[in-house]
Structures are given as structure tokens and as C-alpha cells.
Amino acid sequence: MARGLLIVLSGPSEVGKGTVLKEVMKDESLHLAYSVSMTTREKRPGEEEGVNYYYVTKEQFLSAVKNGEMLEYAQFVGNYYGTPLHEVERLRDEGKNVLLEIEVQGCMQIKEKCPDVVTIFIVPPNMKELEKRIRGRGTEAEEVVQQRLEKANREMDMIREYKYVVCNDDIQLAADIIKVIIKRNQELYQGK
């Protein structure tokens, strides 16, 4: 059995990564597995432990980092986010293509450790639309909204570090493009 791909999906907050990802995950022929990240932030309404994130304390998270148990990690707005290494390796060894939805900082860490990673950056149709989406959440203070907008601008500057860039102006089209990217890379990886 061939080892699975490692695929990183990044993009600014509220660009629709999760929505596009749900569409991509429906295609069983891609043999995808979603790696659940770990975070120190509080669980939001409707989120589930082990589905959206593994919710841990700051002490537990930093212990995992110290012990080399994280593939990547980042800190944003006072919280840590990261990818447990053992889960990614287990899934890839089972022949699954592992999909990570992570921040730009984490992607750069993974590129150093895994040169075969497939990197995809999702962009909004324009920055005005992205601001509308961020404000539309209605769950955060203005200070946090401004932090997210500033971070989005910094992340957009990192597009050149990604192999593929996909615009999420149409969810189904963005998902279809990502599926083609995965299929093509799987063919290349397996030498077909």
C-alpha cells in the first residue's frame, strides 16, 4: 500500500476553508482523512471535542511541543493551535491522504519537515468580501476583528510560498479544483 499524501490547506479567517473542505471530503475516491488539530482556545457553540479540535490546556499543549509531539503549531490571539504528529503519520501509513487546515506559520514549519507536502492557499474574491465575512460572524469584539483583518493581509503576502492558489468565490468550483489538485498529485506521488 502506498503512503498517503500530506495536503495543507490555508487561507485567511472566514475565507471558507471549512466549507470548501467539507465538499472535498465528500469524494471518497480521494481516500482523505482530516487531521484534527489541537487548540487551547475555548470550544465555540456547536463544536465537538475530537471533531473540530482537541481542546487542551496551555500546559498540555506546551508539553506536547516540548516532547516533539507536534508536526506544527502557532499562537494567535492568545491561543495555541497545532497538529499532533502521531495522528498524521498513522493515517499516512494507512494509505490515507491527510488533509490539514492550518495557518500559514504552521505550513512553513511543515514545508521544512516534509518537502513532499502539497500546499493549497484559499483566497477570497477580494478583501472587502473577506472583511464582510469576518464581521458577519458577530462573535468577536472590534479589536479581535481588526487583528483578524491585519493577519489576513499578512497571510495574503505569503501566497507565493504555496504551490496552488484557489479562489473561493464559488464553493463547489473551489472544491472541484482542489479535488483535481489532489488527484494529480496522487498520480505523481505514486508514479503513475
N, C-alpha and C. Protein backbone atom coordinates (compact mmCIF):
# COMPACT_ATOMS: atom_id res chain seq x y z
N MET A 1 0.84 -1.18 0.00
CA MET A 1 0.00 0.00 0.00
C MET A 1 0.89 1.24 0.00
N ALA A 2 0.57 2.19 -0.88
CA ALA A 2 1.34 3.43 -0.97
C ALA A 2 1.02 4.34 0.21
N ARG A 3 2.05 5.03 0.67
CA ARG A 3 1.86 6.01 1.74
C ARG A 3 1.04 7.18 1.20
N GLY A 4 0.18 7.71 2.02
CA GLY A 4 -0.70 8.79 1.60
C GLY A 4 0.00 10.14 1.50
N LEU A 5 -0.64 11.05 0.82
CA LEU A 5 -0.15 12.42 0.69
C LEU A 5 -0.39 13.20 1.97
N LEU A 6 0.38 14.26 2.14
CA LEU A 6 0.12 15.24 3.18
C LEU A 6 -0.27 16.52 2.44
N ILE A 7 -1.48 17.00 2.69
CA ILE A 7 -2.03 18.16 1.99
C ILE A 7 -2.35 19.24 3.00
N VAL A 8 -1.82 20.44 2.79
CA VAL A 8 -2.08 21.56 3.68
C VAL A 8 -2.97 22.57 2.97
N LEU A 9 -4.04 22.94 3.64
CA LEU A 9 -4.99 23.93 3.15
C LEU A 9 -4.93 25.12 4.10
N SER A 10 -4.60 26.30 3.57
CA SER A 10 -4.52 27.51 4.39
C SER A 10 -5.32 28.63 3.73
N GLY A 11 -5.49 29.69 4.48
CA GLY A 11 -6.16 30.88 3.97
C GLY A 11 -6.61 31.72 5.14
N PRO A 12 -6.96 32.97 4.88
CA PRO A 12 -7.37 33.86 5.95
C PRO A 12 -8.63 33.38 6.67
N SER A 13 -8.81 33.86 7.88
CA SER A 13 -10.01 33.58 8.65
C SER A 13 -11.24 33.99 7.86
N GLU A 14 -12.25 33.13 7.85
CA GLU A 14 -13.54 33.37 7.17
C GLU A 14 -13.48 33.33 5.65
N VAL A 15 -12.40 32.78 5.08
CA VAL A 15 -12.33 32.66 3.62
C VAL A 15 -13.18 31.48 3.15
N GLY A 16 -13.59 30.62 4.09
CA GLY A 16 -14.44 29.48 3.75
C GLY A 16 -13.70 28.17 3.65
N LYS A 17 -12.56 28.06 4.31
CA LYS A 17 -11.77 26.83 4.25
C LYS A 17 -12.59 25.63 4.69
N GLY A 18 -13.28 25.76 5.82
CA GLY A 18 -14.06 24.64 6.36
C GLY A 18 -15.18 24.21 5.45
N THR A 19 -15.86 25.16 4.85
CA THR A 19 -16.97 24.85 3.94
C THR A 19 -16.47 24.14 2.69
N VAL A 20 -15.39 24.64 2.12
CA VAL A 20 -14.80 24.01 0.93
C VAL A 20 -14.29 22.62 1.29
N LEU A 21 -13.67 22.52 2.44
CA LEU A 21 -13.12 21.24 2.91
C LEU A 21 -14.21 20.18 3.04
N LYS A 22 -15.38 20.56 3.55
CA LYS A 22 -16.49 19.61 3.68
C LYS A 22 -16.89 19.05 2.31
N GLU A 23 -16.90 19.90 1.30
CA GLU A 23 -17.23 19.45 -0.06
C GLU A 23 -16.17 18.49 -0.60
N VAL A 24 -14.91 18.83 -0.39
CA VAL A 24 -13.81 17.99 -0.87
C VAL A 24 -13.86 16.62 -0.18
N MET A 25 -14.14 16.62 1.11
CA MET A 25 -14.15 15.37 1.88
C MET A 25 -15.23 14.39 1.45
N LYS A 26 -16.25 14.88 0.75
CA LYS A 26 -17.33 14.01 0.29
C LYS A 26 -16.87 13.02 -0.79
N ASP A 27 -15.77 13.33 -1.47
CA ASP A 27 -15.26 12.49 -2.56
C ASP A 27 -14.45 11.33 -1.97
N GLU A 28 -15.10 10.18 -1.83
CA GLU A 28 -14.45 9.02 -1.22
C GLU A 28 -13.29 8.47 -2.04
N SER A 29 -13.28 8.75 -3.35
CA SER A 29 -12.20 8.24 -4.21
C SER A 29 -10.85 8.88 -3.87
N LEU A 30 -10.87 9.98 -3.13
CA LEU A 30 -9.62 10.66 -2.77
C LEU A 30 -8.94 10.05 -1.54
N HIS A 31 -9.63 9.14 -0.84
CA HIS A 31 -9.07 8.47 0.35
C HIS A 31 -8.54 9.50 1.35
N LEU A 32 -9.36 10.51 1.63
CA LEU A 32 -8.95 11.59 2.51
C LEU A 32 -9.24 11.29 3.97
N ALA A 33 -8.36 11.80 4.80
CA ALA A 33 -8.57 11.76 6.23
C ALA A 33 -8.27 13.16 6.73
N TYR A 34 -9.15 13.68 7.57
CA TYR A 34 -8.96 15.01 8.11
C TYR A 34 -8.26 14.88 9.44
N SER A 35 -7.14 15.55 9.55
CA SER A 35 -6.41 15.51 10.81
C SER A 35 -6.96 16.60 11.72
N VAL A 36 -7.42 16.21 12.88
CA VAL A 36 -7.99 17.15 13.84
C VAL A 36 -6.85 17.84 14.59
N SER A 37 -6.90 19.16 14.61
CA SER A 37 -5.87 19.96 15.29
C SER A 37 -6.15 20.05 16.79
N MET A 38 -5.13 20.48 17.49
CA MET A 38 -5.23 20.69 18.94
C MET A 38 -5.23 22.20 19.18
N THR A 39 -6.00 22.67 20.15
CA THR A 39 -6.02 24.09 20.47
C THR A 39 -6.22 24.32 21.96
N THR A 40 -5.79 25.52 22.38
CA THR A 40 -6.02 25.93 23.76
C THR A 40 -7.20 26.89 23.86
N ARG A 41 -7.84 27.22 22.74
CA ARG A 41 -8.97 28.15 22.80
C ARG A 41 -10.21 27.43 23.29
N GLU A 42 -11.16 28.22 23.76
CA GLU A 42 -12.42 27.67 24.25
C GLU A 42 -13.25 27.11 23.10
N LYS A 43 -14.00 26.09 23.40
CA LYS A 43 -14.91 25.48 22.43
C LYS A 43 -16.03 26.46 22.12
N ARG A 44 -16.35 26.63 20.82
CA ARG A 44 -17.45 27.50 20.41
C ARG A 44 -18.74 26.68 20.36
N PRO A 45 -19.90 27.35 20.44
CA PRO A 45 -21.17 26.63 20.35
C PRO A 45 -21.23 25.78 19.07
N GLY A 46 -21.63 24.53 19.24
CA GLY A 46 -21.76 23.63 18.10
C GLY A 46 -20.51 22.83 17.79
N GLU A 47 -19.38 23.19 18.36
CA GLU A 47 -18.14 22.44 18.12
C GLU A 47 -18.08 21.22 19.03
N GLU A 48 -17.36 20.19 18.54
CA GLU A 48 -17.25 18.95 19.29
C GLU A 48 -15.80 18.56 19.50
N GLU A 49 -15.49 18.06 20.68
CA GLU A 49 -14.17 17.53 21.02
C GLU A 49 -13.83 16.38 20.07
N GLY A 50 -12.63 16.43 19.48
CA GLY A 50 -12.18 15.37 18.59
C GLY A 50 -12.76 15.45 17.19
N VAL A 51 -13.65 16.39 16.95
CA VAL A 51 -14.21 16.59 15.61
C VAL A 51 -13.69 17.91 15.04
N ASN A 52 -13.93 18.99 15.77
CA ASN A 52 -13.44 20.30 15.34
C ASN A 52 -11.99 20.51 15.78
N TYR A 53 -11.72 20.20 17.03
CA TYR A 53 -10.39 20.30 17.62
C TYR A 53 -10.30 19.34 18.79
N TYR A 54 -9.05 19.14 19.26
CA TYR A 54 -8.82 18.56 20.57
C TYR A 54 -8.56 19.78 21.46
N TYR A 55 -9.40 19.99 22.45
CA TYR A 55 -9.30 21.16 23.32
C TYR A 55 -8.47 20.79 24.55
N VAL A 56 -7.35 21.49 24.73
CA VAL A 56 -6.43 21.19 25.83
C VAL A 56 -6.05 22.48 26.56
N THR A 57 -5.41 22.31 27.69
CA THR A 57 -4.91 23.46 28.43
C THR A 57 -3.60 23.93 27.80
N LYS A 58 -3.21 25.14 28.13
CA LYS A 58 -1.94 25.68 27.63
C LYS A 58 -0.78 24.80 28.09
N GLU A 59 -0.84 24.32 29.32
CA GLU A 59 0.22 23.47 29.86
C GLU A 59 0.33 22.16 29.08
N GLN A 60 -0.82 21.55 28.76
CA GLN A 60 -0.81 20.30 27.99
C GLN A 60 -0.24 20.54 26.59
N PHE A 61 -0.63 21.65 25.99
CA PHE A 61 -0.16 21.96 24.64
C PHE A 61 1.37 22.16 24.63
N LEU A 62 1.86 22.98 25.55
CA LEU A 62 3.30 23.27 25.59
C LEU A 62 4.12 22.03 25.93
N SER A 63 3.54 21.12 26.70
CA SER A 63 4.20 19.86 26.99
C SER A 63 4.34 19.02 25.71
N ALA A 64 3.29 18.99 24.89
CA ALA A 64 3.34 18.26 23.62
C ALA A 64 4.40 18.86 22.69
N VAL A 65 4.51 20.18 22.66
CA VAL A 65 5.53 20.85 21.84
C VAL A 65 6.92 20.45 22.33
N LYS A 66 7.13 20.55 23.63
CA LYS A 66 8.42 20.24 24.23
C LYS A 66 8.85 18.79 23.95
N ASN A 67 7.87 17.88 23.92
CA ASN A 67 8.15 16.46 23.71
C ASN A 67 8.22 16.06 22.23
N GLY A 68 8.17 17.05 21.32
CA GLY A 68 8.28 16.77 19.89
C GLY A 68 7.06 16.07 19.32
N GLU A 69 5.91 16.24 19.95
CA GLU A 69 4.70 15.55 19.53
C GLU A 69 3.85 16.35 18.55
N MET A 70 4.33 17.53 18.13
CA MET A 70 3.55 18.38 17.23
C MET A 70 4.26 18.49 15.87
N LEU A 71 3.51 18.30 14.80
CA LEU A 71 4.05 18.48 13.45
C LEU A 71 4.28 19.96 13.19
N GLU A 72 3.36 20.77 13.70
CA GLU A 72 3.46 22.23 13.58
C GLU A 72 2.59 22.84 14.66
N TYR A 73 2.85 24.12 14.95
CA TYR A 73 1.99 24.83 15.88
C TYR A 73 2.17 26.33 15.69
N ALA A 74 1.18 27.08 16.16
CA ALA A 74 1.21 28.53 16.08
C ALA A 74 0.41 29.11 17.23
N GLN A 75 0.65 30.37 17.50
CA GLN A 75 -0.12 31.08 18.51
C GLN A 75 -0.82 32.25 17.83
N PHE A 76 -2.11 32.42 18.14
CA PHE A 76 -2.88 33.53 17.59
C PHE A 76 -3.92 33.98 18.59
N VAL A 77 -4.01 35.28 18.79
CA VAL A 77 -4.96 35.92 19.70
C VAL A 77 -4.95 35.21 21.06
N GLY A 78 -3.74 34.93 21.55
CA GLY A 78 -3.60 34.37 22.89
C GLY A 78 -3.84 32.87 23.01
N ASN A 79 -4.11 32.20 21.90
CA ASN A 79 -4.34 30.75 21.94
C ASN A 79 -3.35 30.03 21.03
N TYR A 80 -3.07 28.76 21.39
CA TYR A 80 -2.20 27.92 20.58
C TYR A 80 -3.05 26.98 19.72
N TYR A 81 -2.54 26.70 18.52
CA TYR A 81 -3.16 25.76 17.59
C TYR A 81 -2.05 24.90 17.02
N GLY A 82 -2.30 23.61 16.81
CA GLY A 82 -1.26 22.75 16.26
C GLY A 82 -1.77 21.39 15.81
N THR A 83 -0.87 20.67 15.15
CA THR A 83 -1.20 19.36 14.58
C THR A 83 -0.41 18.26 15.28
N PRO A 84 -1.11 17.34 15.95
CA PRO A 84 -0.42 16.20 16.58
C PRO A 84 0.24 15.31 15.51
N LEU A 85 1.54 15.08 15.64
CA LEU A 85 2.34 14.34 14.67
C LEU A 85 1.92 12.88 14.54
N HIS A 86 1.69 12.19 15.65
CA HIS A 86 1.42 10.75 15.61
C HIS A 86 0.18 10.41 14.78
N GLU A 87 -0.83 11.27 14.85
CA GLU A 87 -2.07 11.00 14.10
C GLU A 87 -1.84 11.13 12.60
N VAL A 88 -1.09 12.14 12.18
CA VAL A 88 -0.79 12.34 10.76
C VAL A 88 0.00 11.15 10.22
N GLU A 89 1.02 10.73 10.94
CA GLU A 89 1.86 9.61 10.48
C GLU A 89 1.06 8.31 10.40
N ARG A 90 0.22 8.07 11.38
CA ARG A 90 -0.61 6.85 11.38
C ARG A 90 -1.51 6.81 10.16
N LEU A 91 -2.19 7.92 9.87
CA LEU A 91 -3.10 7.97 8.73
C LEU A 91 -2.37 7.83 7.40
N ARG A 92 -1.24 8.49 7.25
CA ARG A 92 -0.46 8.38 6.00
C ARG A 92 0.03 6.95 5.80
N ASP A 93 0.47 6.32 6.89
CA ASP A 93 0.95 4.93 6.79
C ASP A 93 -0.17 3.98 6.40
N GLU A 94 -1.42 4.35 6.70
CA GLU A 94 -2.58 3.54 6.31
C GLU A 94 -2.98 3.81 4.85
N GLY A 95 -2.23 4.66 4.16
CA GLY A 95 -2.52 4.96 2.77
C GLY A 95 -3.53 6.08 2.56
N LYS A 96 -3.88 6.76 3.64
CA LYS A 96 -4.84 7.86 3.53
C LYS A 96 -4.11 9.15 3.17
N ASN A 97 -4.79 9.99 2.40
CA ASN A 97 -4.28 11.32 2.09
C ASN A 97 -4.75 12.25 3.20
N VAL A 98 -3.81 12.76 3.97
CA VAL A 98 -4.13 13.55 5.15
C VAL A 98 -4.24 15.02 4.79
N LEU A 99 -5.38 15.58 5.14
CA LEU A 99 -5.68 16.98 4.85
C LEU A 99 -5.61 17.78 6.14
N LEU A 100 -4.77 18.82 6.15
CA LEU A 100 -4.64 19.69 7.30
C LEU A 100 -5.14 21.08 6.94
N GLU A 101 -6.00 21.62 7.75
CA GLU A 101 -6.46 23.00 7.60
C GLU A 101 -5.73 23.81 8.66
N ILE A 102 -4.65 24.50 8.22
CA ILE A 102 -3.79 25.17 9.21
C ILE A 102 -3.38 26.57 8.77
N GLU A 103 -2.81 27.29 9.72
CA GLU A 103 -2.33 28.65 9.50
C GLU A 103 -1.05 28.64 8.66
N VAL A 104 -0.75 29.79 8.08
CA VAL A 104 0.44 29.97 7.24
C VAL A 104 1.71 29.61 8.01
N GLN A 105 1.82 30.08 9.24
CA GLN A 105 3.00 29.80 10.05
C GLN A 105 3.23 28.29 10.18
N GLY A 106 2.16 27.55 10.41
CA GLY A 106 2.27 26.10 10.53
C GLY A 106 2.68 25.45 9.22
N CYS A 107 2.15 25.96 8.12
CA CYS A 107 2.51 25.42 6.81
C CYS A 107 4.00 25.57 6.56
N MET A 108 4.57 26.71 6.92
CA MET A 108 6.01 26.93 6.71
C MET A 108 6.83 25.93 7.53
N GLN A 109 6.36 25.61 8.75
CA GLN A 109 7.05 24.61 9.57
C GLN A 109 6.99 23.24 8.90
N ILE A 110 5.83 22.89 8.35
CA ILE A 110 5.67 21.59 7.70
C ILE A 110 6.50 21.49 6.43
N LYS A 111 6.57 22.57 5.66
CA LYS A 111 7.39 22.56 4.44
C LYS A 111 8.85 22.23 4.75
N GLU A 112 9.34 22.68 5.90
CA GLU A 112 10.72 22.37 6.29
C GLU A 112 10.88 20.90 6.64
N LYS A 113 9.87 20.31 7.28
CA LYS A 113 9.94 18.92 7.74
C LYS A 113 9.52 17.92 6.67
N CYS A 114 8.59 18.31 5.78
CA CYS A 114 8.01 17.39 4.80
C CYS A 114 8.05 18.03 3.41
N PRO A 115 9.16 17.87 2.69
CA PRO A 115 9.27 18.52 1.38
C PRO A 115 8.24 18.04 0.35
N ASP A 116 7.60 16.90 0.60
CA ASP A 116 6.61 16.37 -0.34
C ASP A 116 5.20 16.88 -0.07
N VAL A 117 5.03 17.81 0.87
CA VAL A 117 3.71 18.33 1.21
C VAL A 117 3.10 19.07 0.01
N VAL A 118 1.79 18.89 -0.18
CA VAL A 118 1.04 19.60 -1.22
C VAL A 118 0.38 20.79 -0.53
N THR A 119 0.74 22.02 -0.94
CA THR A 119 0.24 23.21 -0.27
C THR A 119 -0.77 23.96 -1.15
N ILE A 120 -1.92 24.28 -0.54
CA ILE A 120 -3.01 24.97 -1.24
C ILE A 120 -3.45 26.15 -0.39
N PHE A 121 -3.50 27.34 -1.00
CA PHE A 121 -3.93 28.55 -0.30
C PHE A 121 -5.26 28.99 -0.89
N ILE A 122 -6.26 29.17 -0.04
CA ILE A 122 -7.57 29.63 -0.49
C ILE A 122 -7.66 31.13 -0.27
N VAL A 123 -8.03 31.84 -1.33
CA VAL A 123 -8.16 33.30 -1.26
C VAL A 123 -9.62 33.70 -1.42
N PRO A 124 -9.98 34.87 -0.86
CA PRO A 124 -11.34 35.39 -1.05
C PRO A 124 -11.42 36.07 -2.43
N PRO A 125 -12.62 36.34 -2.92
CA PRO A 125 -12.75 37.06 -4.19
C PRO A 125 -12.07 38.44 -4.11
N ASN A 126 -12.13 39.08 -2.93
CA ASN A 126 -11.45 40.35 -2.68
C ASN A 126 -11.45 40.59 -1.17
N MET A 127 -10.67 41.57 -0.74
CA MET A 127 -10.53 41.81 0.70
C MET A 127 -11.78 42.43 1.31
N LYS A 128 -12.54 43.17 0.54
CA LYS A 128 -13.79 43.75 1.05
C LYS A 128 -14.77 42.63 1.42
N GLU A 129 -14.85 41.61 0.58
CA GLU A 129 -15.73 40.47 0.86
C GLU A 129 -15.25 39.72 2.10
N LEU A 130 -13.93 39.59 2.25
CA LEU A 130 -13.39 38.91 3.43
C LEU A 130 -13.75 39.68 4.70
N GLU A 131 -13.63 40.99 4.68
CA GLU A 131 -13.99 41.79 5.86
C GLU A 131 -15.47 41.60 6.19
N LYS A 132 -16.31 41.57 5.17
CA LYS A 132 -17.75 41.36 5.37
C LYS A 132 -17.99 40.01 6.06
N ARG A 133 -17.28 38.97 5.63
CA ARG A 133 -17.44 37.65 6.22
C ARG A 133 -16.97 37.63 7.68
N ILE A 134 -15.84 38.28 7.95
CA ILE A 134 -15.30 38.31 9.32
C ILE A 134 -16.27 39.04 10.24
N ARG A 135 -16.76 40.18 9.80
CA ARG A 135 -17.70 40.95 10.61
C ARG A 135 -19.03 40.22 10.75
N GLY A 136 -19.40 39.44 9.75
CA GLY A 136 -20.66 38.71 9.75
C GLY A 136 -20.75 37.64 10.82
N ARG A 137 -19.60 37.22 11.34
CA ARG A 137 -19.59 36.24 12.43
C ARG A 137 -20.34 36.77 13.62
N GLY A 138 -20.11 38.05 13.95
CA GLY A 138 -20.79 38.69 15.06
C GLY A 138 -20.44 38.12 16.42
N THR A 139 -19.31 37.41 16.52
CA THR A 139 -18.96 36.76 17.79
C THR A 139 -17.77 37.40 18.47
N GLU A 140 -17.13 38.38 17.83
CA GLU A 140 -15.88 38.91 18.36
C GLU A 140 -15.91 40.42 18.51
N ALA A 141 -15.14 40.91 19.46
CA ALA A 141 -15.00 42.35 19.69
C ALA A 141 -14.29 42.99 18.51
N GLU A 142 -14.47 44.29 18.36
CA GLU A 142 -13.84 45.03 17.25
C GLU A 142 -12.33 44.85 17.24
N GLU A 143 -11.71 44.81 18.40
CA GLU A 143 -10.25 44.63 18.48
C GLU A 143 -9.84 43.30 17.83
N VAL A 144 -10.59 42.25 18.09
CA VAL A 144 -10.28 40.94 17.50
C VAL A 144 -10.55 40.95 16.00
N VAL A 145 -11.61 41.62 15.58
CA VAL A 145 -11.91 41.75 14.15
C VAL A 145 -10.73 42.43 13.45
N GLN A 146 -10.22 43.50 14.04
CA GLN A 146 -9.08 44.21 13.44
C GLN A 146 -7.83 43.33 13.40
N GLN A 147 -7.62 42.54 14.46
CA GLN A 147 -6.48 41.61 14.47
C GLN A 147 -6.62 40.59 13.34
N ARG A 148 -7.83 40.09 13.13
CA ARG A 148 -8.06 39.10 12.06
C ARG A 148 -7.83 39.73 10.69
N LEU A 149 -8.25 40.97 10.51
CA LEU A 149 -8.04 41.65 9.22
C LEU A 149 -6.56 41.90 8.96
N GLU A 150 -5.84 42.33 9.98
CA GLU A 150 -4.40 42.55 9.84
C GLU A 150 -3.69 41.23 9.52
N LYS A 151 -4.09 40.19 10.22
CA LYS A 151 -3.49 38.87 9.99
C LYS A 151 -3.80 38.39 8.58
N ALA A 152 -5.01 38.62 8.10
CA ALA A 152 -5.39 38.22 6.74
C ALA A 152 -4.50 38.90 5.71
N ASN A 153 -4.22 40.17 5.91
CA ASN A 153 -3.34 40.89 4.99
C ASN A 153 -1.93 40.32 4.99
N ARG A 154 -1.42 39.98 6.17
CA ARG A 154 -0.08 39.36 6.25
C ARG A 154 -0.08 37.99 5.57
N GLU A 155 -1.15 37.23 5.79
CA GLU A 155 -1.23 35.89 5.18
C GLU A 155 -1.29 35.98 3.65
N MET A 156 -2.02 36.95 3.15
CA MET A 156 -2.12 37.10 1.69
C MET A 156 -0.75 37.37 1.07
N ASP A 157 0.16 37.98 1.83
CA ASP A 157 1.52 38.21 1.35
C ASP A 157 2.31 36.91 1.21
N MET A 158 1.82 35.83 1.82
CA MET A 158 2.53 34.54 1.81
C MET A 158 2.08 33.62 0.67
N ILE A 159 1.21 34.09 -0.17
CA ILE A 159 0.67 33.24 -1.25
C ILE A 159 1.77 32.58 -2.05
N ARG A 160 2.84 33.31 -2.33
CA ARG A 160 3.92 32.78 -3.18
C ARG A 160 4.60 31.55 -2.58
N GLU A 161 4.41 31.31 -1.28
CA GLU A 161 5.00 30.15 -0.62
C GLU A 161 4.20 28.86 -0.86
N TYR A 162 3.03 29.00 -1.47
CA TYR A 162 2.15 27.86 -1.72
C TYR A 162 2.24 27.42 -3.18
N LYS A 163 2.11 26.12 -3.38
CA LYS A 163 2.18 25.59 -4.75
C LYS A 163 0.92 25.94 -5.53
N TYR A 164 -0.23 25.91 -4.86
CA TYR A 164 -1.51 26.17 -5.53
C TYR A 164 -2.28 27.26 -4.80
N VAL A 165 -3.00 28.09 -5.57
CA VAL A 165 -3.87 29.13 -5.02
C VAL A 165 -5.25 28.94 -5.65
N VAL A 166 -6.28 28.87 -4.80
CA VAL A 166 -7.65 28.65 -5.26
C VAL A 166 -8.54 29.75 -4.69
N CYS A 167 -9.31 30.40 -5.57
CA CYS A 167 -10.23 31.46 -5.13
C CYS A 167 -11.56 30.83 -4.72
N ASN A 168 -12.04 31.20 -3.53
CA ASN A 168 -13.33 30.71 -3.06
C ASN A 168 -14.40 31.77 -3.31
N ASP A 169 -14.76 31.89 -4.58
CA ASP A 169 -15.87 32.75 -4.98
C ASP A 169 -17.12 31.89 -5.14
N ASP A 170 -16.89 30.62 -5.42
CA ASP A 170 -17.95 29.62 -5.61
C ASP A 170 -17.47 28.36 -4.91
N ILE A 171 -18.18 27.95 -3.87
CA ILE A 171 -17.74 26.83 -3.02
C ILE A 171 -17.53 25.55 -3.82
N GLN A 172 -18.50 25.20 -4.66
CA GLN A 172 -18.39 23.94 -5.42
C GLN A 172 -17.22 23.99 -6.40
N LEU A 173 -17.04 25.12 -7.08
CA LEU A 173 -15.93 25.24 -8.02
C LEU A 173 -14.59 25.15 -7.29
N ALA A 174 -14.46 25.83 -6.16
CA ALA A 174 -13.22 25.76 -5.38
C ALA A 174 -12.95 24.32 -4.94
N ALA A 175 -13.98 23.62 -4.48
CA ALA A 175 -13.82 22.22 -4.05
C ALA A 175 -13.41 21.35 -5.23
N ASP A 176 -14.03 21.55 -6.39
CA ASP A 176 -13.69 20.75 -7.57
C ASP A 176 -12.24 20.97 -8.00
N ILE A 177 -11.77 22.19 -7.93
CA ILE A 177 -10.38 22.48 -8.29
C ILE A 177 -9.43 21.78 -7.32
N ILE A 178 -9.74 21.83 -6.05
CA ILE A 178 -8.89 21.17 -5.05
C ILE A 178 -8.88 19.65 -5.26
N LYS A 179 -10.02 19.08 -5.63
CA LYS A 179 -10.06 17.63 -5.90
C LYS A 179 -9.12 17.27 -7.05
N VAL A 180 -9.12 18.08 -8.10
CA VAL A 180 -8.23 17.84 -9.25
C VAL A 180 -6.77 17.94 -8.81
N ILE A 181 -6.45 18.93 -7.99
CA ILE A 181 -5.09 19.09 -7.48
C ILE A 181 -4.66 17.84 -6.71
N ILE A 182 -5.54 17.33 -5.85
CA ILE A 182 -5.21 16.14 -5.06
C ILE A 182 -5.03 14.93 -5.95
N LYS A 183 -5.96 14.72 -6.89
CA LYS A 183 -5.85 13.55 -7.78
C LYS A 183 -4.56 13.58 -8.59
N ARG A 184 -4.21 14.75 -9.11
CA ARG A 184 -3.00 14.86 -9.92
C ARG A 184 -1.75 14.61 -9.08
N ASN A 185 -1.72 15.13 -7.88
CA ASN A 185 -0.56 14.93 -7.02
C ASN A 185 -0.47 13.47 -6.56
N GLN A 186 -1.61 12.83 -6.37
CA GLN A 186 -1.59 11.42 -6.00
C GLN A 186 -1.00 10.59 -7.14
N GLU A 187 -1.39 10.90 -8.36
CA GLU A 187 -0.81 10.21 -9.53
C GLU A 187 0.69 10.41 -9.61
N LEU A 188 1.15 11.64 -9.40
CA LEU A 188 2.59 11.94 -9.44
C LEU A 188 3.32 11.24 -8.32
N TYR A 189 2.75 11.25 -7.12
CA TYR A 189 3.38 10.67 -5.94
C TYR A 189 3.52 9.16 -6.08
N GLN A 190 2.52 8.54 -6.69
CA GLN A 190 2.52 7.09 -6.84
C GLN A 190 3.19 6.67 -8.15
N GLY A 191 3.73 7.63 -8.89
CA GLY A 191 4.48 7.32 -10.11
C GLY A 191 3.66 6.84 -11.27
N LYS A 192 2.37 7.24 -11.33
CA LYS A 192 1.52 6.80 -12.43
C LYS A 192 1.68 7.70 -13.62
